Amino acid sequence: MSALIDGIRKGNFAVFGRAGMDMFADPEGTRAEEAETFRADLGGSSANICAGLCKLGMQSALVTSVSDDNVGRFCTNRLRHYGVDTQYLKVLGGEYRISLAVYESCIEDFQLTIYRNNAVDFQVTDEDVDRVDYASFGALITAGTVFAAEPSRSSTFRAFDNARKANLPVIFDIDYRPYSWPSAEEASEVLTRAGEQSDLIVGNDEEFGFMAGGLDKGLDKARELAAKGKMVIYKMGQEGALTLADGEEIRTGIYPVTAIKPNGAGDSFMAGLLAAIAEGRPLKEAVLRGSACASIVVSQPGCAPAMPTTPELDAFLAERSGPTDV
């Protein structure tokens, strides 16, 4: 566990997974099918984590493939705008395309449509991950989407091996998206394998339940992984989170807000959690700062643009007496 904390405290992360363009209906409250105007910004789970880390004063580099077109260049430019290191982006031509997400800023009957035909981020190869200078980072982060198809599945497991050789801890956000996978059975097998090879695993109760073969078995799965010396954060939505580390279980609440969308919360939680650990804060406080980041993001339009800076996060917390009781 100490190696994990020491790696995070370096504040420099190699992040594997997708970038994409988000298009969200404007103004707030407009249904996507009725919109006349859309705002565009960076999206994609791993790219969001990268942006969130940088906005909180950390360093991050995204390892992925982007399409050789105007949308791919848009996402690359937005990554740079947020301070993300783009030296490990591979630009790929042909018919491969970067992800596009279309959604709205209204929580009732929320609609999210993701276009991932011929997804370019699945085209990360062994050669791509081998050129990363692992020794210059403190930890590797990946979101589960990378494991849904080849060659990125095998290349990311290879990146895990490369990280081990460089003594980097592996941080895994389960991030199960059924639409990306050939079958639930294959997803369960592969994501479980990724969890077994990780040092910190973050997921919600449904994702752990999915890995375990039933929602009622999710907490047992989390405890099983924690018993192997891993840090596990088991998120339970409105019920808060349970952090399992070093034989302890820490319950934490949430910071209620008026949400205008559900997406981006997990990415922001991860960024806030890791940034707080890197700052040397106690684990319980780090989880709460992650929870606050998640609340901030769901209360604002967009994902990457809604990620808070450190002053914004501190101001949010200063305005509240504390999280919900658990």
C-alpha atoms as a PDB file:
ATOM      1  CA  MET A   1       0.000   0.000   0.000  1.00  0.00           C
ATOM      2  CA  SER A   2       2.863   2.386   0.751  1.00  0.00           C
ATOM      3  CA  ALA A   3       4.225   1.967  -2.789  1.00  0.00           C
ATOM      4  CA  LEU A   4       0.816   2.988  -4.138  1.00  0.00           C
ATOM      5  CA  ILE A   5       0.674   6.126  -1.989  1.00  0.00           C
ATOM      6  CA  ASP A   6       4.299   7.013  -2.766  1.00  0.00           C
ATOM      7  CA  GLY A   7       3.617   6.729  -6.494  1.00  0.00           C
ATOM      8  CA  ILE A   8       0.494   8.874  -6.343  1.00  0.00           C
ATOM      9  CA  ARG A   9       2.326  11.511  -4.308  1.00  0.00           C
ATOM     10  CA  LYS A  10       4.627  12.174  -7.257  1.00  0.00           C
ATOM     11  CA  GLY A  11       1.594  13.865  -8.846  1.00  0.00           C
ATOM     12  CA  ASN A  12       2.436  12.766 -12.382  1.00  0.00           C
ATOM     13  CA  PHE A  13       0.207  10.210 -14.105  1.00  0.00           C
ATOM     14  CA  ALA A  14       0.283   8.212 -17.345  1.00  0.00           C
ATOM     15  CA  VAL A  15      -3.364   7.740 -18.305  1.00  0.00           C
ATOM     16  CA  PHE A  16      -4.540   5.132 -20.825  1.00  0.00           C
ATOM     17  CA  GLY A  17      -7.894   5.307 -22.600  1.00  0.00           C
ATOM     18  CA  ARG A  18     -10.050   7.393 -24.814  1.00  0.00           C
ATOM     19  CA  ALA A  19     -10.484  11.040 -25.659  1.00  0.00           C
ATOM     20  CA  GLY A  20     -13.564  12.282 -27.429  1.00  0.00           C
ATOM     21  CA  MET A  21     -15.662  15.273 -28.345  1.00  0.00           C
ATOM     22  CA  ASP A  22     -18.653  16.142 -26.174  1.00  0.00           C
ATOM     23  CA  MET A  23     -21.518  18.094 -27.704  1.00  0.00           C
ATOM     24  CA  PHE A  24     -24.086  19.266 -25.160  1.00  0.00           C
ATOM     25  CA  ALA A  25     -27.276  21.174 -25.849  1.00  0.00           C
ATOM     26  CA  ASP A  26     -27.287  24.863 -24.978  1.00  0.00           C
ATOM     27  CA  PRO A  27     -28.780  26.579 -23.045  1.00  0.00           C
ATOM     28  CA  GLU A  28     -29.037  24.450 -19.911  1.00  0.00           C
ATOM     29  CA  GLY A  29     -32.283  22.487 -19.756  1.00  0.00           C
ATOM     30  CA  THR A  30     -32.681  22.147 -23.532  1.00  0.00           C
ATOM     31  CA  ARG A  31     -33.404  18.669 -24.868  1.00  0.00           C
ATOM     32  CA  ALA A  32     -30.851  17.571 -27.434  1.00  0.00           C
ATOM     33  CA  GLU A  33     -33.461  16.876 -30.114  1.00  0.00           C
ATOM     34  CA  GLU A  34     -34.900  20.362 -29.669  1.00  0.00           C
ATOM     35  CA  ALA A  35     -31.606  22.256 -29.507  1.00  0.00           C
ATOM     36  CA  GLU A  36     -30.594  24.892 -32.021  1.00  0.00           C
ATOM     37  CA  THR A  37     -27.178  25.356 -30.443  1.00  0.00           C
ATOM     38  CA  PHE A  38     -24.646  22.911 -29.010  1.00  0.00           C
ATOM     39  CA  ARG A  39     -21.462  23.595 -27.067  1.00  0.00           C
ATOM     40  CA  ALA A  40     -18.436  21.408 -27.745  1.00  0.00           C
ATOM     41  CA  ASP A  41     -15.534  20.471 -25.511  1.00  0.00           C
ATOM     42  CA  LEU A  42     -13.275  17.605 -24.534  1.00  0.00           C
ATOM     43  CA  GLY A  43     -14.853  14.349 -23.337  1.00  0.00           C
ATOM     44  CA  GLY A  44     -14.013  10.683 -22.929  1.00  0.00           C
ATOM     45  CA  SER A  45     -13.391   9.105 -19.532  1.00  0.00           C
ATOM     46  CA  SER A  46      -9.586   9.007 -19.563  1.00  0.00           C
ATOM     47  CA  ALA A  47      -9.273  12.442 -21.148  1.00  0.00           C
ATOM     48  CA  ASN A  48     -11.618  13.821 -18.487  1.00  0.00           C
ATOM     49  CA  ILE A  49      -9.449  12.323 -15.738  1.00  0.00           C
ATOM     50  CA  CYS A  50      -6.388  13.921 -17.338  1.00  0.00           C
ATOM     51  CA  ALA A  51      -8.045  17.335 -17.516  1.00  0.00           C
ATOM     52  CA  GLY A  52      -9.350  17.032 -13.964  1.00  0.00           C
ATOM     53  CA  LEU A  53      -5.896  16.195 -12.623  1.00  0.00           C
ATOM     54  CA  CYS A  54      -4.275  19.123 -14.412  1.00  0.00           C
ATOM     55  CA  LYS A  55      -6.925  21.565 -13.182  1.00  0.00           C
ATOM     56  CA  LEU A  56      -6.112  20.393  -9.649  1.00  0.00           C
ATOM     57  CA  GLY A  57      -2.419  21.130 -10.074  1.00  0.00           C
ATOM     58  CA  MET A  58      -1.210  17.659 -11.064  1.00  0.00           C
ATOM     59  CA  GLN A  59       0.502  16.458 -14.255  1.00  0.00           C
ATOM     60  CA  SER A  60      -0.955  13.931 -16.671  1.00  0.00           C
ATOM     61  CA  ALA A  61      -0.180  12.449 -20.078  1.00  0.00           C
ATOM     62  CA  LEU A  62      -2.795  10.666 -22.187  1.00  0.00           C
ATOM     63  CA  VAL A  63      -1.764   7.524 -24.075  1.00  0.00           C
ATOM     64  CA  THR A  64      -4.243   6.872 -26.876  1.00  0.00           C
ATOM     65  CA  SER A  65      -4.957   7.127 -30.598  1.00  0.00           C
ATOM     66  CA  VAL A  66      -6.856   9.996 -32.213  1.00  0.00           C
ATOM     67  CA  SER A  67      -8.272  10.282 -35.715  1.00  0.00           C
ATOM     68  CA  ASP A  68      -6.478  12.262 -38.410  1.00  0.00           C
ATOM     69  CA  ASP A  69      -9.329  14.693 -38.956  1.00  0.00           C
ATOM     70  CA  ASN A  70     -10.708  17.949 -37.614  1.00  0.00           C
ATOM     71  CA  VAL A  71     -12.446  16.265 -34.665  1.00  0.00           C
ATOM     72  CA  GLY A  72      -9.272  14.460 -33.629  1.00  0.00           C
ATOM     73  CA  ARG A  73      -7.359  17.742 -33.859  1.00  0.00           C
ATOM     74  CA  PHE A  74     -10.083  19.495 -31.854  1.00  0.00           C
ATOM     75  CA  CYS A  75      -9.685  16.965 -29.027  1.00  0.00           C
ATOM     76  CA  THR A  76      -5.892  17.240 -29.154  1.00  0.00           C
ATOM     77  CA  ASN A  77      -6.102  21.019 -28.929  1.00  0.00           C
ATOM     78  CA  ARG A  78      -8.504  20.828 -25.974  1.00  0.00           C
ATOM     79  CA  LEU A  79      -6.212  18.399 -24.173  1.00  0.00           C
ATOM     80  CA  ARG A  80      -3.402  20.916 -24.565  1.00  0.00           C
ATOM     81  CA  HIS A  81      -5.732  23.699 -23.430  1.00  0.00           C
ATOM     82  CA  TYR A  82      -6.205  21.884 -20.127  1.00  0.00           C
ATOM     83  CA  GLY A  83      -2.466  21.274 -19.761  1.00  0.00           C
ATOM     84  CA  VAL A  84      -2.432  17.573 -20.646  1.00  0.00           C
ATOM     85  CA  ASP A  85       0.791  16.146 -22.116  1.00  0.00           C
ATOM     86  CA  THR A  86      -0.038  14.913 -25.641  1.00  0.00           C
ATOM     87  CA  GLN A  87       3.331  13.460 -26.662  1.00  0.00           C
ATOM     88  CA  TYR A  88       1.921   9.904 -26.535  1.00  0.00           C
ATOM     89  CA  LEU A  89      -1.028  10.523 -28.834  1.00  0.00           C
ATOM     90  CA  LYS A  90      -0.878   8.551 -32.080  1.00  0.00           C
ATOM     91  CA  VAL A  91      -2.669  10.123 -35.050  1.00  0.00           C
ATOM     92  CA  LEU A  92      -4.304   7.462 -37.192  1.00  0.00           C
ATOM     93  CA  GLY A  93      -5.777   7.931 -40.662  1.00  0.00           C
ATOM     94  CA  GLY A  94      -8.280   5.882 -42.618  1.00  0.00           C
ATOM     95  CA  GLU A  95     -11.816   5.174 -41.393  1.00  0.00           C
ATOM     96  CA  TYR A  96     -11.072   5.121 -37.653  1.00  0.00           C
ATOM     97  CA  ARG A  97     -12.906   7.829 -35.744  1.00  0.00           C
ATOM     98  CA  ILE A  98     -12.622   9.479 -32.360  1.00  0.00           C
ATOM     99  CA  SER A  99     -15.639   9.181 -30.040  1.00  0.00           C
ATOM    100  CA  LEU A 100     -18.498  11.670 -30.157  1.00  0.00           C
ATOM    101  CA  ALA A 101     -20.970  12.056 -27.275  1.00  0.00           C
ATOM    102  CA  VAL A 102     -24.186  14.060 -27.641  1.00  0.00           C
ATOM    103  CA  TYR A 103     -26.178  14.889 -24.525  1.00  0.00           C
ATOM    104  CA  GLU A 104     -28.022  17.590 -22.649  1.00  0.00           C
ATOM    105  CA  SER A 105     -27.980  19.445 -19.338  1.00  0.00           C
ATOM    106  CA  CYS A 106     -31.251  18.250 -17.859  1.00  0.00           C
ATOM    107  CA  ILE A 107     -31.393  15.328 -15.459  1.00  0.00           C
ATOM    108  CA  GLU A 108     -34.991  14.221 -16.080  1.00  0.00           C
ATOM    109  CA  ASP A 109     -35.073  11.553 -18.804  1.00  0.00           C
ATOM    110  CA  PHE A 110     -31.405  12.320 -19.479  1.00  0.00           C
ATOM    111  CA  GLN A 111     -30.250  11.192 -22.912  1.00  0.00           C
ATOM    112  CA  LEU A 112     -26.677  10.366 -23.909  1.00  0.00           C
ATOM    113  CA  THR A 113     -25.802   9.090 -27.367  1.00  0.00           C
ATOM    114  CA  ILE A 114     -22.230   7.950 -27.990  1.00  0.00           C
ATOM    115  CA  TYR A 115     -20.893   7.320 -31.502  1.00  0.00           C
ATOM    116  CA  ARG A 116     -18.067   4.770 -31.400  1.00  0.00           C
ATOM    117  CA  ASN A 117     -18.120   3.211 -34.860  1.00  0.00           C
ATOM    118  CA  ASN A 118     -14.558   2.142 -35.759  1.00  0.00           C
ATOM    119  CA  ALA A 119     -13.330   3.708 -32.497  1.00  0.00           C
ATOM    120  CA  VAL A 120      -9.780   4.933 -32.974  1.00  0.00           C
ATOM    121  CA  ASP A 121      -8.822   4.541 -29.306  1.00  0.00           C
ATOM    122  CA  PHE A 122      -9.086   0.752 -29.639  1.00  0.00           C
ATOM    123  CA  GLN A 123      -6.135   0.904 -32.062  1.00  0.00           C
ATOM    124  CA  VAL A 124      -3.434   1.431 -29.423  1.00  0.00           C
ATOM    125  CA  THR A 125      -0.701  -1.159 -30.030  1.00  0.00           C
ATOM    126  CA  ASP A 126       2.173  -2.752 -28.110  1.00  0.00           C
ATOM    127  CA  GLU A 127       4.534  -0.399 -29.926  1.00  0.00           C
ATOM    128  CA  ASP A 128       2.536   2.598 -28.693  1.00  0.00           C
ATOM    129  CA  VAL A 129       2.664   1.570 -25.043  1.00  0.00           C
ATOM    130  CA  ASP A 130       6.312   0.550 -25.220  1.00  0.00           C
ATOM    131  CA  ARG A 131       7.415   4.056 -26.177  1.00  0.00           C
ATOM    132  CA  VAL A 132       6.054   5.539 -22.944  1.00  0.00           C
ATOM    133  CA  ASP A 133       8.773   6.608 -20.496  1.00  0.00           C
ATOM    134  CA  TYR A 134       7.246   4.912 -17.459  1.00  0.00           C
ATOM    135  CA  ALA A 135      10.068   5.970 -15.157  1.00  0.00           C
ATOM    136  CA  SER A 136       9.029   9.620 -15.526  1.00  0.00           C
ATOM    137  CA  PHE A 137       5.594   8.972 -13.962  1.00  0.00           C
ATOM    138  CA  GLY A 138       4.409   8.128 -10.481  1.00  0.00           C
ATOM    139  CA  ALA A 139       1.458   5.904 -11.418  1.00  0.00           C
ATOM    140  CA  LEU A 140      -0.494   4.422 -14.336  1.00  0.00           C
ATOM    141  CA  ILE A 141      -4.247   5.016 -14.619  1.00  0.00           C
ATOM    142  CA  THR A 142      -6.649   3.286 -16.955  1.00  0.00           C
ATOM    143  CA  ALA A 143     -10.403   3.195 -17.454  1.00  0.00           C
ATOM    144  CA  GLY A 144     -12.047  -0.105 -18.297  1.00  0.00           C
ATOM    145  CA  THR A 145     -13.180   0.858 -21.792  1.00  0.00           C
ATOM    146  CA  VAL A 146      -9.686   0.144 -23.185  1.00  0.00           C
ATOM    147  CA  PHE A 147     -10.190  -3.563 -22.518  1.00  0.00           C
ATOM    148  CA  ALA A 148     -13.347  -3.907 -24.612  1.00  0.00           C
ATOM    149  CA  ALA A 149     -11.565  -4.655 -27.924  1.00  0.00           C
ATOM    150  CA  GLU A 150      -8.240  -5.520 -29.497  1.00  0.00           C
ATOM    151  CA  PRO A 151      -5.533  -4.411 -29.937  1.00  0.00           C
ATOM    152  CA  SER A 152      -5.955  -1.972 -27.024  1.00  0.00           C
ATOM    153  CA  ARG A 153      -6.902  -4.781 -24.623  1.00  0.00           C
ATOM    154  CA  SER A 154      -3.637  -6.650 -25.043  1.00  0.00           C
ATOM    155  CA  SER A 155      -1.542  -3.493 -25.298  1.00  0.00           C
ATOM    156  CA  THR A 156      -2.946  -2.109 -22.043  1.00  0.00           C
ATOM    157  CA  PHE A 157      -2.188  -5.351 -20.212  1.00  0.00           C
ATOM    158  CA  ARG A 158       1.307  -5.006 -21.686  1.00  0.00           C
ATOM    159  CA  ALA A 159       1.401  -1.466 -20.260  1.00  0.00           C
ATOM    160  CA  PHE A 160       0.549  -2.972 -16.859  1.00  0.00           C
ATOM    161  CA  ASP A 161       3.609  -5.230 -17.216  1.00  0.00           C
ATOM    162  CA  ASN A 162       5.766  -2.264 -18.255  1.00  0.00           C
ATOM    163  CA  ALA A 163       4.534  -0.307 -15.236  1.00  0.00           C
ATOM    164  CA  ARG A 164       5.390  -3.183 -12.897  1.00  0.00           C
ATOM    165  CA  LYS A 165       8.928  -3.318 -14.281  1.00  0.00           C
ATOM    166  CA  ALA A 166       9.251   0.424 -13.600  1.00  0.00           C
ATOM    167  CA  ASN A 167       7.752   0.006 -10.070  1.00  0.00           C
ATOM    168  CA  LEU A 168       4.675   2.074 -10.957  1.00  0.00           C
ATOM    169  CA  PRO A 169       1.403   1.276  -9.201  1.00  0.00           C
ATOM    170  CA  VAL A 170      -1.618   0.610 -11.404  1.00  0.00           C
ATOM    171  CA  ILE A 171      -4.904   2.466 -10.818  1.00  0.00           C
ATOM    172  CA  PHE A 172      -8.021   1.012 -12.429  1.00  0.00           C
ATOM    173  CA  ASP A 173     -11.416   2.664 -12.903  1.00  0.00           C
ATOM    174  CA  ILE A 174     -13.769  -0.203 -13.835  1.00  0.00           C
ATOM    175  CA  ASP A 175     -15.929   2.105 -15.985  1.00  0.00           C
ATOM    176  CA  TYR A 176     -18.061  -0.688 -17.448  1.00  0.00           C
ATOM    177  CA  ARG A 177     -19.899   0.408 -20.614  1.00  0.00           C
ATOM    178  CA  PRO A 178     -21.986  -2.522 -21.932  1.00  0.00           C
ATOM    179  CA  TYR A 179     -22.291  -1.077 -25.457  1.00  0.00           C
ATOM    180  CA  SER A 180     -18.520  -1.385 -25.967  1.00  0.00           C
ATOM    181  CA  TRP A 181     -18.286  -5.120 -25.264  1.00  0.00           C
ATOM    182  CA  PRO A 182     -19.037  -8.206 -27.381  1.00  0.00           C
ATOM    183  CA  SER A 183     -20.714  -9.890 -24.376  1.00  0.00           C
ATOM    184  CA  ALA A 184     -21.236  -9.440 -20.645  1.00  0.00           C
ATOM    185  CA  GLU A 185     -19.398 -12.712 -19.979  1.00  0.00           C
ATOM    186  CA  GLU A 186     -16.286 -11.532 -21.792  1.00  0.00           C
ATOM    187  CA  ALA A 187     -16.420  -8.172 -20.033  1.00  0.00           C
ATOM    188  CA  SER A 188     -16.695  -9.798 -16.610  1.00  0.00           C
ATOM    189  CA  GLU A 189     -13.712 -12.064 -17.269  1.00  0.00           C
ATOM    190  CA  VAL A 190     -11.461  -9.318 -18.670  1.00  0.00           C
ATOM    191  CA  LEU A 191     -12.349  -6.630 -16.125  1.00  0.00           C
ATOM    192  CA  THR A 192     -11.816  -9.098 -13.283  1.00  0.00           C
ATOM    193  CA  ARG A 193      -8.379  -9.875 -14.706  1.00  0.00           C
ATOM    194  CA  ALA A 194      -7.585  -6.149 -14.819  1.00  0.00           C
ATOM    195  CA  GLY A 195      -8.716  -5.754 -11.211  1.00  0.00           C
ATOM    196  CA  GLU A 196      -6.484  -8.594 -10.097  1.00  0.00           C
ATOM    197  CA  GLN A 197      -3.490  -6.819 -11.660  1.00  0.00           C
ATOM    198  CA  SER A 198      -4.236  -3.386 -10.165  1.00  0.00           C
ATOM    199  CA  ASP A 199      -3.220  -1.699  -6.908  1.00  0.00           C
ATOM    200  CA  LEU A 200      -6.159   0.710  -6.602  1.00  0.00           C
ATOM    201  CA  ILE A 201      -9.582  -0.197  -7.967  1.00  0.00           C
ATOM    202  CA  VAL A 202     -12.454   2.290  -8.166  1.00  0.00           C
ATOM    203  CA  GLY A 203     -15.973   1.372  -9.173  1.00  0.00           C
ATOM    204  CA  ASN A 204     -19.606   1.584  -8.202  1.00  0.00           C
ATOM    205  CA  ASP A 205     -21.701  -1.129  -6.587  1.00  0.00           C
ATOM    206  CA  GLU A 206     -23.169  -2.198  -9.938  1.00  0.00           C
ATOM    207  CA  GLU A 207     -19.710  -2.559 -11.523  1.00  0.00           C
ATOM    208  CA  PHE A 208     -18.348  -4.669  -8.670  1.00  0.00           C
ATOM    209  CA  GLY A 209     -21.559  -6.689  -8.725  1.00  0.00           C
ATOM    210  CA  PHE A 210     -21.139  -7.214 -12.456  1.00  0.00           C
ATOM    211  CA  MET A 211     -17.585  -8.491 -11.928  1.00  0.00           C
ATOM    212  CA  ALA A 212     -18.818 -10.816  -9.180  1.00  0.00           C
ATOM    213  CA  GLY A 213     -21.770 -12.198 -11.133  1.00  0.00           C
ATOM    214  CA  GLY A 214     -24.552 -10.485  -9.185  1.00  0.00           C
ATOM    215  CA  LEU A 215     -25.314  -7.109  -7.631  1.00  0.00           C
ATOM    216  CA  ASP A 216     -25.692  -8.684  -4.199  1.00  0.00           C
ATOM    217  CA  LYS A 217     -22.124 -10.034  -4.469  1.00  0.00           C
ATOM    218  CA  GLY A 218     -20.424  -6.723  -5.307  1.00  0.00           C
ATOM    219  CA  LEU A 219     -19.321  -5.791  -1.798  1.00  0.00           C
ATOM    220  CA  ASP A 220     -17.954  -9.282  -1.218  1.00  0.00           C
ATOM    221  CA  LYS A 221     -15.940  -8.897  -4.434  1.00  0.00           C
ATOM    222  CA  ALA A 222     -14.574  -5.554  -3.258  1.00  0.00           C
ATOM    223  CA  ARG A 223     -13.596  -7.071   0.089  1.00  0.00           C
ATOM    224  CA  GLU A 224     -11.984 -10.034  -1.645  1.00  0.00           C
ATOM    225  CA  LEU A 225      -9.783  -7.709  -3.692  1.00  0.00           C
ATOM    226  CA  ALA A 226      -8.937  -5.598  -0.636  1.00  0.00           C
ATOM    227  CA  ALA A 227      -7.903  -8.737   1.259  1.00  0.00           C
ATOM    228  CA  LYS A 228      -5.195  -9.227  -1.376  1.00  0.00           C
ATOM    229  CA  GLY A 229      -3.557  -5.945  -0.307  1.00  0.00           C
ATOM    230  CA  LYS A 230      -5.267  -3.660  -2.814  1.00  0.00           C
ATOM    231  CA  MET A 231      -6.981  -0.359  -2.076  1.00  0.00           C
ATOM    232  CA  VAL A 232     -10.602  -0.528  -3.186  1.00  0.00           C
ATOM    233  CA  ILE A 233     -13.164   2.269  -3.391  1.00  0.00           C
ATOM    234  CA  TYR A 234     -16.714   0.969  -3.584  1.00  0.00           C
ATOM    235  CA  LYS A 235     -19.066   3.765  -4.605  1.00  0.00           C
ATOM    236  CA  MET A 236     -22.746   3.552  -3.735  1.00  0.00           C
ATOM    237  CA  GLY A 237     -24.301   6.637  -5.327  1.00  0.00           C
ATOM    238  CA  GLN A 238     -26.433   8.585  -2.864  1.00  0.00           C
ATOM    239  CA  GLU A 239     -25.255   6.268  -0.075  1.00  0.00           C
ATOM    240  CA  GLY A 240     -21.677   7.519  -0.365  1.00  0.00           C
ATOM    241  CA  ALA A 241     -18.602   5.330  -0.636  1.00  0.00           C
ATOM    242  CA  LEU A 242     -16.805   2.583   1.241  1.00  0.00           C
ATOM    243  CA  THR A 243     -13.000   2.690   1.089  1.00  0.00           C
ATOM    244  CA  LEU A 244     -11.200  -0.554   1.879  1.00  0.00           C
ATOM    245  CA  ALA A 245      -7.492  -0.245   2.672  1.00  0.00           C
ATOM    246  CA  ASP A 246      -5.010  -1.827   5.083  1.00  0.00           C
ATOM    247  CA  GLY A 247      -7.712  -3.921   6.729  1.00  0.00           C
ATOM    248  CA  GLU A 248      -9.948  -0.922   7.440  1.00  0.00           C
ATOM    249  CA  GLU A 249     -13.289   0.128   5.970  1.00  0.00           C
ATOM    250  CA  ILE A 250     -13.974   3.866   5.816  1.00  0.00           C
ATOM    251  CA  ARG A 251     -17.536   5.097   5.147  1.00  0.00           C
ATOM    252  CA  THR A 252     -17.995   8.540   3.616  1.00  0.00           C
ATOM    253  CA  GLY A 253     -21.023  10.520   2.520  1.00  0.00           C
ATOM    254  CA  ILE A 254     -21.673  12.790  -0.436  1.00  0.00           C
ATOM    255  CA  TYR A 255     -22.221  16.509  -1.037  1.00  0.00           C
ATOM    256  CA  PRO A 256     -25.808  16.940  -2.299  1.00  0.00           C
ATOM    257  CA  VAL A 257     -26.279  19.326  -5.223  1.00  0.00           C
ATOM    258  CA  THR A 258     -28.910  20.015  -7.856  1.00  0.00           C
ATOM    259  CA  ALA A 259     -27.654  17.803 -10.674  1.00  0.00           C
ATOM    260  CA  ILE A 260     -28.228  18.717 -14.308  1.00  0.00           C
ATOM    261  CA  LYS A 261     -26.610  15.561 -15.721  1.00  0.00           C
ATOM    262  CA  PRO A 262     -25.148  12.285 -14.397  1.00  0.00           C
ATOM    263  CA  ASN A 263     -22.063  11.887 -16.591  1.00  0.00           C
ATOM    264  CA  GLY A 264     -18.512  12.923 -15.690  1.00  0.00           C
ATOM    265  CA  ALA A 265     -18.939  12.267 -11.961  1.00  0.00           C
ATOM    266  CA  GLY A 266     -16.693   9.205 -11.832  1.00  0.00           C
ATOM    267  CA  ASP A 267     -13.915  10.869 -13.813  1.00  0.00           C
ATOM    268  CA  SER A 268     -13.969  13.897 -11.551  1.00  0.00           C
ATOM    269  CA  PHE A 269     -14.045  11.706  -8.442  1.00  0.00           C
ATOM    270  CA  MET A 270     -10.895   9.927  -9.594  1.00  0.00           C
ATOM    271  CA  ALA A 271      -9.073  13.199 -10.310  1.00  0.00           C
ATOM    272  CA  GLY A 272     -10.069  14.707  -6.966  1.00  0.00           C
ATOM    273  CA  LEU A 273      -9.149  11.580  -5.018  1.00  0.00           C
ATOM    274  CA  LEU A 274      -5.711  11.242  -6.566  1.00  0.00           C
ATOM    275  CA  ALA A 275      -4.886  14.952  -6.363  1.00  0.00           C
ATOM    276  CA  ALA A 276      -5.758  14.970  -2.656  1.00  0.00           C
ATOM    277  CA  ILE A 277      -3.607  11.901  -1.945  1.00  0.00           C
ATOM    278  CA  ALA A 278      -0.777  13.529  -3.902  1.00  0.00           C
ATOM    279  CA  GLU A 279      -1.115  16.586  -1.660  1.00  0.00           C
ATOM    280  CA  GLY A 280      -0.538  14.375   1.374  1.00  0.00           C
ATOM    281  CA  ARG A 281      -4.103  14.513   2.708  1.00  0.00           C
ATOM    282  CA  PRO A 282      -5.503  11.645   4.820  1.00  0.00           C
ATOM    283  CA  LEU A 283      -7.347   8.974   2.847  1.00  0.00           C
ATOM    284  CA  LYS A 284     -10.808   9.826   4.210  1.00  0.00           C
ATOM    285  CA  GLU A 285     -10.353  13.497   3.309  1.00  0.00           C
ATOM    286  CA  ALA A 286      -9.089  12.502  -0.147  1.00  0.00           C
ATOM    287  CA  VAL A 287     -12.220  10.432  -0.798  1.00  0.00           C
ATOM    288  CA  LEU A 288     -14.408  13.329   0.345  1.00  0.00           C
ATOM    289  CA  ARG A 289     -12.600  15.750  -1.943  1.00  0.00           C
ATOM    290  CA  GLY A 290     -13.192  13.296  -4.790  1.00  0.00           C
ATOM    291  CA  SER A 291     -16.874  13.180  -3.861  1.00  0.00           C
ATOM    292  CA  ALA A 292     -17.026  16.982  -3.861  1.00  0.00           C
ATOM    293  CA  CYS A 293     -15.461  17.072  -7.329  1.00  0.00           C
ATOM    294  CA  ALA A 294     -18.101  14.640  -8.566  1.00  0.00           C
ATOM    295  CA  SER A 295     -20.875  16.842  -7.161  1.00  0.00           C
ATOM    296  CA  ILE A 296     -19.426  19.922  -8.824  1.00  0.00           C
ATOM    297  CA  VAL A 297     -19.288  18.256 -12.240  1.00  0.00           C
ATOM    298  CA  VAL A 298     -22.860  16.948 -12.247  1.00  0.00           C
ATOM    299  CA  SER A 299     -24.134  20.418 -11.318  1.00  0.00           C
ATOM    300  CA  GLN A 300     -22.584  22.112 -14.370  1.00  0.00           C
ATOM    301  CA  PRO A 301     -22.735  21.638 -18.157  1.00  0.00           C
ATOM    302  CA  GLY A 302     -20.045  19.575 -19.852  1.00  0.00           C
ATOM    303  CA  CYS A 303     -17.435  17.255 -18.363  1.00  0.00           C
ATOM    304  CA  ALA A 304     -13.872  18.543 -18.813  1.00  0.00           C
ATOM    305  CA  PRO A 305     -14.948  22.207 -18.548  1.00  0.00           C
ATOM    306  CA  ALA A 306     -16.894  21.424 -15.354  1.00  0.00           C
ATOM    307  CA  MET A 307     -13.902  19.840 -13.591  1.00  0.00           C
ATOM    308  CA  PRO A 308     -12.982  22.148 -10.698  1.00  0.00           C
ATOM    309  CA  THR A 309      -9.691  23.892 -10.051  1.00  0.00           C
ATOM    310  CA  THR A 310      -8.264  23.678  -6.533  1.00  0.00           C
ATOM    311  CA  PRO A 311      -9.611  27.141  -5.551  1.00  0.00           C
ATOM    312  CA  GLU A 312     -13.051  26.197  -6.908  1.00  0.00           C
ATOM    313  CA  LEU A 313     -13.018  22.926  -4.972  1.00  0.00           C
ATOM    314  CA  ASP A 314     -11.915  24.658  -1.766  1.00  0.00           C
ATOM    315  CA  ALA A 315     -14.647  27.291  -2.186  1.00  0.00           C
ATOM    316  CA  PHE A 316     -17.282  24.584  -2.730  1.00  0.00           C
ATOM    317  CA  LEU A 317     -16.224  22.807   0.466  1.00  0.00           C
ATOM    318  CA  ALA A 318     -16.049  26.049   2.462  1.00  0.00           C
ATOM    319  CA  GLU A 319     -19.687  26.764   1.624  1.00  0.00           C
ATOM    320  CA  ARG A 320     -20.860  23.454   3.102  1.00  0.00           C
ATOM    321  CA  SER A 321     -20.947  22.211   6.668  1.00  0.00           C
ATOM    322  CA  GLY A 322     -19.920  18.725   5.566  1.00  0.00           C
ATOM    323  CA  PRO A 323     -21.035  15.631   3.650  1.00  0.00           C
ATOM    324  CA  THR A 324     -24.190  13.648   4.324  1.00  0.00           C
ATOM    325  CA  ASP A 325     -24.185  11.350   7.349  1.00  0.00           C
ATOM    326  CA  VAL A 326     -23.559   7.659   6.689  1.00  0.00           C
END
